[in-house]
Amino acid sequence: MQRFFERTVPRQQARGMTVLIPIDWSDHAQKAFDWYVSSLYQPGTTVVLVHWLGSSTDKDLHEKEVKLMELQEMYETKLLQRRVDYRWVTGSDANPGELILRVAGEEDAQMIVMGSRGLGKLKKAILGSVSDYVLSRAAIPVLICRRST
């Protein structure tokens, strides 16, 4: 089952670079977003925020949709303060890595900027890593913002 929710701020300038940033409630996603916006963002760039809304039941999906509104408000406030053109895409693909790569292709993104949880080798081997999945399969540059130690 796939459902998509989109929010867009109209582009005011000629099309420039498109950067995709996967986000969620985690500190590592927020730090990657904040770092990109404060350190690399250039006017004319469109930021595509991607959020994976995986769920196993309709009730779970509804609860996540409600929380999604809070997440959107948090990020949109920051984007609007800095006058950043953006798009918001949410999906429920099989896994977050697949969603990130699919949306990057659909949006013709030139770069992906994402956080890393900094899993140890054992946890990464058992749980897998979205950043490793994206990094190993993306056809465009991927910038991984590691968590602070």
Protein backbone atom coordinates (compact mmCIF):
# COMPACT_ATOMS: atom_id res chain seq x y z
CA MET A 1 0.00 0.00 0.00
CA GLN A 2 1.40 3.39 -0.95
CA ARG A 3 0.09 6.77 0.06
CA PHE A 4 1.72 10.07 -0.68
CA PHE A 5 1.25 13.44 0.90
CA GLU A 6 2.85 16.50 -0.64
CA ARG A 7 3.19 20.12 0.35
CA THR A 8 4.88 22.64 -1.88
CA VAL A 9 5.97 26.25 -1.68
CA PRO A 10 5.90 27.78 -5.18
CA ARG A 11 9.30 28.31 -6.76
CA GLN A 12 10.00 32.01 -7.17
CA GLN A 13 13.27 31.75 -9.08
CA ALA A 14 14.57 29.86 -12.07
CA ARG A 15 15.12 26.21 -11.32
CA GLY A 16 18.42 25.61 -9.61
CA MET A 17 19.83 22.63 -7.80
CA THR A 18 17.54 20.17 -6.01
CA VAL A 19 18.74 18.65 -2.73
CA LEU A 20 16.87 15.83 -1.01
CA ILE A 21 16.95 15.58 2.80
CA PRO A 22 15.33 12.60 4.54
CA ILE A 23 13.83 13.68 7.86
CA ASP A 24 12.11 12.20 10.87
CA TRP A 25 11.95 12.93 14.60
CA SER A 26 15.57 11.89 15.23
CA ASP A 27 18.36 14.20 16.34
CA HIS A 28 20.63 12.97 13.55
CA ALA A 29 18.10 13.94 10.86
CA GLN A 30 17.55 17.34 12.44
CA LYS A 31 21.30 18.00 12.72
CA ALA A 32 21.84 17.07 9.05
CA PHE A 33 19.00 19.40 8.03
CA ASP A 34 20.26 22.27 10.21
CA TRP A 35 23.83 21.83 8.97
CA TYR A 36 22.77 21.84 5.32
CA VAL A 37 20.55 24.92 5.66
CA SER A 38 23.15 26.90 7.61
CA SER A 39 26.30 25.74 5.77
CA LEU A 40 25.54 24.72 2.17
CA TYR A 41 22.17 26.08 1.12
CA GLN A 42 22.25 28.59 -1.73
CA PRO A 43 19.26 30.70 -2.88
CA GLY A 44 17.61 29.12 -5.89
CA THR A 45 18.08 25.60 -4.54
CA THR A 46 14.95 23.58 -3.91
CA VAL A 47 15.02 21.37 -0.83
CA VAL A 48 12.94 18.20 -0.99
CA LEU A 49 12.13 16.85 2.45
CA VAL A 50 11.33 13.14 2.45
CA HIS A 51 9.64 11.32 5.29
CA TRP A 52 8.98 7.58 5.41
CA LEU A 53 5.62 6.80 6.95
CA GLY A 54 5.91 3.05 7.35
CA SER A 55 3.16 1.31 9.26
CA SER A 56 1.68 -2.11 9.70
CA THR A 57 -1.96 -1.20 10.35
CA ASP A 58 -4.43 1.49 9.30
CA LYS A 59 -4.70 2.64 12.94
CA ASP A 60 -0.91 2.95 13.16
CA LEU A 61 -0.86 4.85 9.86
CA HIS A 62 -3.50 7.30 11.11
CA GLU A 63 -1.50 7.98 14.29
CA LYS A 64 1.64 8.57 12.23
CA GLU A 65 -0.22 10.94 9.89
CA VAL A 66 -1.27 13.05 12.90
CA LYS A 67 2.33 13.20 14.19
CA LEU A 68 3.47 14.02 10.65
CA MET A 69 1.61 17.33 10.83
CA GLU A 70 3.72 18.33 13.86
CA LEU A 71 6.91 17.29 12.08
CA GLN A 72 5.95 19.31 9.00
CA GLU A 73 5.27 22.40 11.08
CA MET A 74 8.64 22.14 12.82
CA TYR A 75 10.62 21.93 9.57
CA GLU A 76 8.45 24.34 7.60
CA THR A 77 8.92 27.03 10.22
CA LYS A 78 12.69 26.82 9.75
CA LEU A 79 12.41 26.75 5.96
CA LEU A 80 10.04 29.71 5.78
CA GLN A 81 12.22 31.78 8.14
CA ARG A 82 15.15 31.31 5.76
CA ARG A 83 12.97 31.69 2.63
CA VAL A 84 13.93 28.28 1.30
CA ASP A 85 11.94 26.85 -1.62
CA TYR A 86 10.90 23.35 -0.67
CA ARG A 87 8.76 20.36 -1.39
CA TRP A 88 7.61 17.79 1.13
CA VAL A 89 7.09 14.18 0.07
CA THR A 90 5.88 11.41 2.34
CA GLY A 91 5.53 7.79 1.33
CA SER A 92 5.15 4.31 2.72
CA ASP A 93 7.39 2.30 0.42
CA ALA A 94 8.73 -1.06 1.61
CA ASN A 95 11.63 0.64 3.40
CA PRO A 96 12.92 4.18 3.91
CA GLY A 97 15.97 3.66 1.68
CA GLU A 98 13.79 2.70 -1.29
CA LEU A 99 11.60 5.76 -0.76
CA ILE A 100 14.62 8.09 -0.58
CA LEU A 101 16.09 6.74 -3.82
CA ARG A 102 12.76 6.71 -5.66
CA VAL A 103 11.97 10.31 -4.71
CA ALA A 104 15.52 11.44 -5.56
CA GLY A 105 14.98 10.08 -9.06
CA GLU A 106 11.48 11.52 -9.45
CA GLU A 107 12.60 14.95 -8.24
CA ASP A 108 15.79 14.87 -10.33
CA ALA A 109 17.80 15.63 -7.18
CA GLN A 110 21.48 16.41 -7.57
CA MET A 111 22.43 15.50 -3.97
CA ILE A 112 21.13 13.70 -0.89
CA VAL A 113 22.03 15.05 2.56
CA MET A 114 21.21 12.76 5.45
CA GLY A 115 22.09 11.97 9.01
CA SER A 116 23.61 8.80 10.37
CA ARG A 117 22.69 7.20 13.67
CA GLY A 118 26.26 6.09 14.19
CA LEU A 119 25.44 2.45 14.85
CA GLY A 120 28.28 0.22 15.97
CA LYS A 121 29.47 -2.55 13.65
CA LEU A 122 27.41 -5.27 15.35
CA LYS A 123 24.16 -3.27 15.44
CA LYS A 124 24.68 -2.15 11.84
CA ALA A 125 25.19 -5.77 10.75
CA ILE A 126 22.00 -6.86 12.54
CA LEU A 127 19.73 -3.88 11.97
CA GLY A 128 21.08 -2.52 8.70
CA SER A 129 21.50 1.15 8.03
CA VAL A 130 19.40 3.44 5.87
CA SER A 131 22.41 5.67 5.19
CA ASP A 132 24.49 2.66 4.07
CA TYR A 133 21.62 1.48 1.86
CA VAL A 134 21.31 4.89 0.18
CA LEU A 135 25.07 5.44 -0.07
CA SER A 136 25.64 2.10 -1.78
CA ARG A 137 22.76 2.45 -4.28
CA ALA A 138 22.45 6.16 -5.10
CA ALA A 139 23.44 7.39 -8.54
CA ILE A 140 24.03 10.92 -7.15
CA PRO A 141 26.33 12.28 -4.42
CA VAL A 142 25.27 11.46 -0.86
CA LEU A 143 26.53 13.59 2.02
CA ILE A 144 26.31 11.78 5.38
CA CYS A 145 26.32 14.00 8.46
CA ARG A 146 27.66 11.89 11.30
CA ARG A 147 26.40 12.44 14.79
CA SER A 148 28.62 14.31 17.20
CA THR A 149 30.66 12.18 19.56
